[in-house]
Amino acid sequence: MNCGEFYILSLKWTRSGLRDSRFWGANEAYWIAYYAFCHDVVGVRYDPARSAQLDLWAEVSRSASWWWPYRWLCFVADRPAEVHWETDRERPRLHRTAGPVLRFRDGWEVYAVRGVRMSTERGQAMASGLLTAQQIRDEPNAEVRRVLMGVYNGDDPGRWARDVGATILHEDVDPMGRPRRLLRYRFAKRELALESPRRTEPRSRGLFESLTSCGTK
């Protein structure tokens, strides 16, 4: 069972009337480090029982991620084996195009580009270099489609548009100075990825997409 499944199970138990006893493990290191610094470096004296508790909290934060203690049972999620961030921002987001941004030792992975999470299927195609223009076109989430277009285009801003046979209707610059294009392309009759089934028919689809790489190489 992975970290995400732990969280879902915790929510189900909470809704069933059980108290949610989630703790954040390594994500609580900020306040643990604050009090540990005061004790270990500054020399502040704590009550012995409180000091022992602080040592236990520090040990958990060094060895585990989120954990859920219950009366007769405790779930503990492992810390990620890998975490990848942007390197060109003061406040970085999760970012990686050559593999998962988060990887756990049990094999569970998360893919994201510039903080935009995507499905494992799209992420693996991107990381392996097998991402196709049609996969990007068929992606229902506009934000995921945008970052995948940036990865696919690389140094060639018009690559995706050409590969899907799009017609450029208009070009200009957005308020931030980035070039953008209004595209129109036609796709064949097929099953659409909608939340509820609907009748499908041939149609044209216009997209006002930014075709710059947007730094997502």
Protein backbone atom coordinates (compact mmCIF):
# COMPACT_ATOMS: atom_id res chain seq x y z
CA MET A 1 0.00 0.00 0.00
CA ASN A 2 1.50 3.35 -1.03
CA CYS A 3 1.36 6.81 0.55
CA GLY A 4 -1.60 7.91 -1.60
CA GLU A 5 -3.58 4.79 -0.71
CA PHE A 6 -2.83 5.40 3.00
CA TYR A 7 -4.34 8.87 2.73
CA ILE A 8 -7.48 7.61 0.95
CA LEU A 9 -7.93 4.91 3.60
CA SER A 10 -7.57 7.54 6.33
CA LEU A 11 -10.28 9.66 4.71
CA LYS A 12 -12.63 6.66 4.49
CA TRP A 13 -12.11 5.85 8.15
CA THR A 14 -12.71 9.47 9.11
CA ARG A 15 -16.01 9.55 7.19
CA SER A 16 -17.07 6.33 8.89
CA GLY A 17 -16.84 8.05 12.29
CA LEU A 18 -13.27 7.24 13.23
CA ARG A 19 -11.09 10.18 14.22
CA ASP A 20 -8.48 11.13 11.63
CA SER A 21 -5.14 10.78 13.45
CA ARG A 22 -2.85 11.75 10.60
CA PHE A 23 0.60 13.14 11.40
CA TRP A 24 3.02 14.51 8.83
CA GLY A 25 6.31 12.89 9.77
CA ALA A 26 9.13 14.53 7.81
CA ASN A 27 6.80 17.39 6.84
CA GLU A 28 6.73 18.46 10.50
CA ALA A 29 10.51 18.89 10.69
CA TYR A 30 10.18 22.70 10.54
CA TRP A 31 8.75 23.08 14.05
CA ILE A 32 10.75 20.18 15.46
CA ALA A 33 13.98 21.79 14.22
CA TYR A 34 12.93 25.11 15.80
CA TYR A 35 12.61 23.67 19.31
CA ALA A 36 15.57 21.30 18.87
CA PHE A 37 17.77 24.28 17.93
CA CYS A 38 16.70 26.17 21.04
CA HIS A 39 17.53 23.14 23.17
CA ASP A 40 20.68 21.83 21.48
CA VAL A 41 22.34 25.11 20.40
CA VAL A 42 20.91 27.96 22.44
CA GLY A 43 20.77 25.95 25.65
CA VAL A 44 17.10 26.36 26.55
CA ARG A 45 16.12 23.82 29.20
CA TYR A 46 12.89 21.89 28.71
CA ASP A 47 11.01 19.70 31.12
CA PRO A 48 12.65 16.21 30.88
CA ALA A 49 9.39 14.57 29.78
CA ARG A 50 8.85 17.23 27.09
CA SER A 51 12.45 16.91 25.96
CA ALA A 52 12.04 13.14 25.58
CA GLN A 53 8.90 13.69 23.50
CA LEU A 54 10.76 16.14 21.27
CA ASP A 55 13.47 13.53 20.68
CA LEU A 56 10.81 11.03 19.62
CA TRP A 57 9.24 13.53 17.21
CA ALA A 58 12.69 14.23 15.73
CA GLU A 59 13.34 10.52 15.24
CA VAL A 60 10.03 10.04 13.42
CA SER A 61 10.64 13.06 11.16
CA ARG A 62 14.04 11.66 10.16
CA SER A 63 12.72 8.22 9.27
CA ALA A 64 9.13 8.46 8.02
CA SER A 65 6.66 10.47 6.00
CA TRP A 66 2.94 10.71 6.91
CA TRP A 67 1.71 8.26 9.54
CA TRP A 68 -1.67 7.33 10.96
CA PRO A 69 -1.72 5.90 14.51
CA TYR A 70 -4.91 4.21 15.68
CA ARG A 71 -5.61 2.28 18.85
CA TRP A 72 -4.43 -1.13 17.66
CA LEU A 73 -2.94 -0.24 14.32
CA CYS A 74 -0.48 2.24 12.83
CA PHE A 75 0.13 2.98 9.14
CA VAL A 76 3.49 4.52 8.28
CA ALA A 77 4.34 5.85 4.81
CA ASP A 78 7.91 5.74 3.61
CA ARG A 79 9.76 8.92 2.67
CA PRO A 80 10.29 9.43 -1.08
CA ALA A 81 13.45 7.86 -2.49
CA GLU A 82 13.66 10.71 -5.02
CA VAL A 83 12.28 14.27 -5.12
CA HIS A 84 13.02 16.63 -8.01
CA TRP A 85 12.48 20.40 -8.03
CA GLU A 86 12.91 23.30 -10.39
CA THR A 87 16.34 24.90 -10.20
CA ASP A 88 15.54 28.25 -11.83
CA ARG A 89 12.95 29.66 -9.41
CA GLU A 90 13.21 31.22 -5.97
CA ARG A 91 10.17 29.19 -4.92
CA PRO A 92 10.60 25.94 -6.87
CA ARG A 93 7.87 23.57 -7.91
CA LEU A 94 8.05 19.84 -8.53
CA HIS A 95 9.55 19.42 -11.97
CA ARG A 96 11.18 16.73 -14.08
CA THR A 97 10.83 15.70 -17.72
CA ALA A 98 13.25 12.74 -17.74
CA GLY A 99 11.40 10.70 -15.10
CA PRO A 100 9.09 10.91 -12.06
CA VAL A 101 9.36 13.89 -9.71
CA LEU A 102 8.55 11.63 -6.77
CA ARG A 103 9.56 8.00 -6.50
CA PHE A 104 8.98 5.70 -3.55
CA ARG A 105 10.85 2.47 -2.89
CA ASP A 106 7.70 0.41 -3.39
CA GLY A 107 7.55 1.60 -7.01
CA TRP A 108 4.84 4.29 -6.65
CA GLU A 109 5.67 7.34 -8.79
CA VAL A 110 4.36 10.83 -9.47
CA TYR A 111 5.00 12.76 -12.69
CA ALA A 112 4.85 16.54 -12.93
CA VAL A 113 6.23 19.37 -15.07
CA ARG A 114 6.50 22.89 -13.60
CA GLY A 115 4.26 21.82 -10.74
CA VAL A 116 1.54 20.41 -13.04
CA ARG A 117 0.83 16.79 -12.19
CA MET A 118 -0.08 14.36 -14.97
CA SER A 119 -1.11 10.74 -15.31
CA THR A 120 1.49 7.96 -15.10
CA GLU A 121 0.74 7.07 -18.72
CA ARG A 122 1.53 10.58 -19.98
CA GLY A 123 4.52 10.92 -17.66
CA GLN A 124 6.11 7.66 -18.75
CA ALA A 125 5.63 8.54 -22.42
CA MET A 126 7.27 11.92 -21.82
CA ALA A 127 10.20 10.48 -19.85
CA SER A 128 10.89 7.76 -22.43
CA GLY A 129 10.83 10.20 -25.34
CA LEU A 130 7.86 8.39 -26.90
CA LEU A 131 5.31 11.15 -26.32
CA THR A 132 3.31 11.78 -29.50
CA ALA A 133 1.49 14.85 -30.74
CA GLN A 134 -1.75 12.83 -30.77
CA GLN A 135 -1.36 11.95 -27.07
CA ILE A 136 -1.00 15.63 -26.24
CA ARG A 137 -3.99 16.50 -28.42
CA ASP A 138 -6.13 13.88 -26.67
CA GLU A 139 -5.16 15.02 -23.15
CA PRO A 140 -8.38 16.38 -21.57
CA ASN A 141 -6.65 18.62 -18.99
CA ALA A 142 -5.65 21.99 -20.50
CA GLU A 143 -2.78 22.63 -18.05
CA VAL A 144 -1.26 19.20 -18.66
CA ARG A 145 -1.65 19.71 -22.39
CA ARG A 146 0.11 23.06 -22.15
CA VAL A 147 3.21 21.78 -20.33
CA LEU A 148 3.41 18.67 -22.52
CA MET A 149 3.35 20.87 -25.60
CA GLY A 150 6.30 22.78 -24.19
CA VAL A 151 8.25 19.57 -23.62
CA TYR A 152 7.32 18.22 -27.05
CA ASN A 153 8.25 21.43 -28.86
CA GLY A 154 11.64 21.85 -27.21
CA ASP A 155 13.55 24.46 -29.25
CA ASP A 156 11.02 24.27 -32.11
CA PRO A 157 7.85 26.19 -31.06
CA GLY A 158 5.90 25.04 -34.11
CA ARG A 159 6.59 21.30 -33.93
CA TRP A 160 3.35 20.22 -32.24
CA ALA A 161 1.19 22.39 -34.51
CA ARG A 162 2.76 20.89 -37.62
CA ASP A 163 2.53 17.31 -36.38
CA VAL A 164 -1.21 17.52 -35.70
CA GLY A 165 -1.86 19.32 -38.99
CA ALA A 166 -3.08 22.50 -37.34
CA THR A 167 -3.88 25.62 -39.32
CA ILE A 168 -2.55 28.85 -37.83
CA LEU A 169 -5.38 31.42 -37.79
CA HIS A 170 -3.71 34.18 -35.81
CA GLU A 171 -0.42 35.03 -34.06
CA ASP A 172 0.27 37.69 -31.46
CA VAL A 173 1.93 38.22 -28.06
CA ASP A 174 0.27 37.75 -24.68
CA PRO A 175 0.42 40.41 -21.89
CA MET A 176 3.62 38.82 -20.57
CA GLY A 177 5.38 39.13 -23.91
CA ARG A 178 5.18 35.45 -24.86
CA PRO A 179 4.26 34.56 -28.44
CA ARG A 180 1.00 32.66 -28.92
CA ARG A 181 -1.06 31.32 -31.78
CA LEU A 182 -4.70 30.60 -32.46
CA LEU A 183 -4.86 27.15 -34.04
CA ARG A 184 -7.58 25.11 -35.67
CA TYR A 185 -7.37 21.42 -36.36
CA ARG A 186 -9.81 18.68 -37.22
CA PHE A 187 -9.84 15.20 -35.78
CA ALA A 188 -11.71 12.10 -36.84
CA LYS A 189 -14.77 10.64 -35.17
CA ARG A 190 -13.76 8.84 -31.96
CA GLU A 191 -14.68 8.19 -28.35
CA LEU A 192 -14.08 11.34 -26.29
CA ALA A 193 -12.72 11.30 -22.75
CA LEU A 194 -15.68 12.95 -21.02
CA GLU A 195 -17.00 12.64 -17.50
CA SER A 196 -20.35 11.45 -18.89
CA PRO A 197 -20.91 9.62 -22.20
CA ARG A 198 -22.05 11.81 -25.07
CA ARG A 199 -22.63 11.26 -28.77
CA THR A 200 -19.46 11.99 -30.73
CA GLU A 201 -19.25 13.39 -34.22
CA PRO A 202 -16.58 14.92 -36.47
CA ARG A 203 -15.84 18.46 -35.40
CA SER A 204 -13.20 21.13 -35.56
CA ARG A 205 -11.51 22.39 -32.45
CA GLY A 206 -9.91 25.79 -32.02
CA LEU A 207 -7.20 26.27 -29.44
CA PHE A 208 -5.64 29.51 -28.30
CA GLU A 209 -2.42 27.90 -27.15
CA SER A 210 0.98 29.30 -26.24
CA LEU A 211 3.44 27.39 -28.38
CA THR A 212 6.57 28.54 -26.63
CA SER A 213 8.58 26.06 -24.63
CA CYS A 214 7.80 28.12 -21.49
CA GLY A 215 10.99 26.80 -19.93
CA THR A 216 9.70 23.20 -19.80
CA LYS A 217 12.61 21.60 -21.62
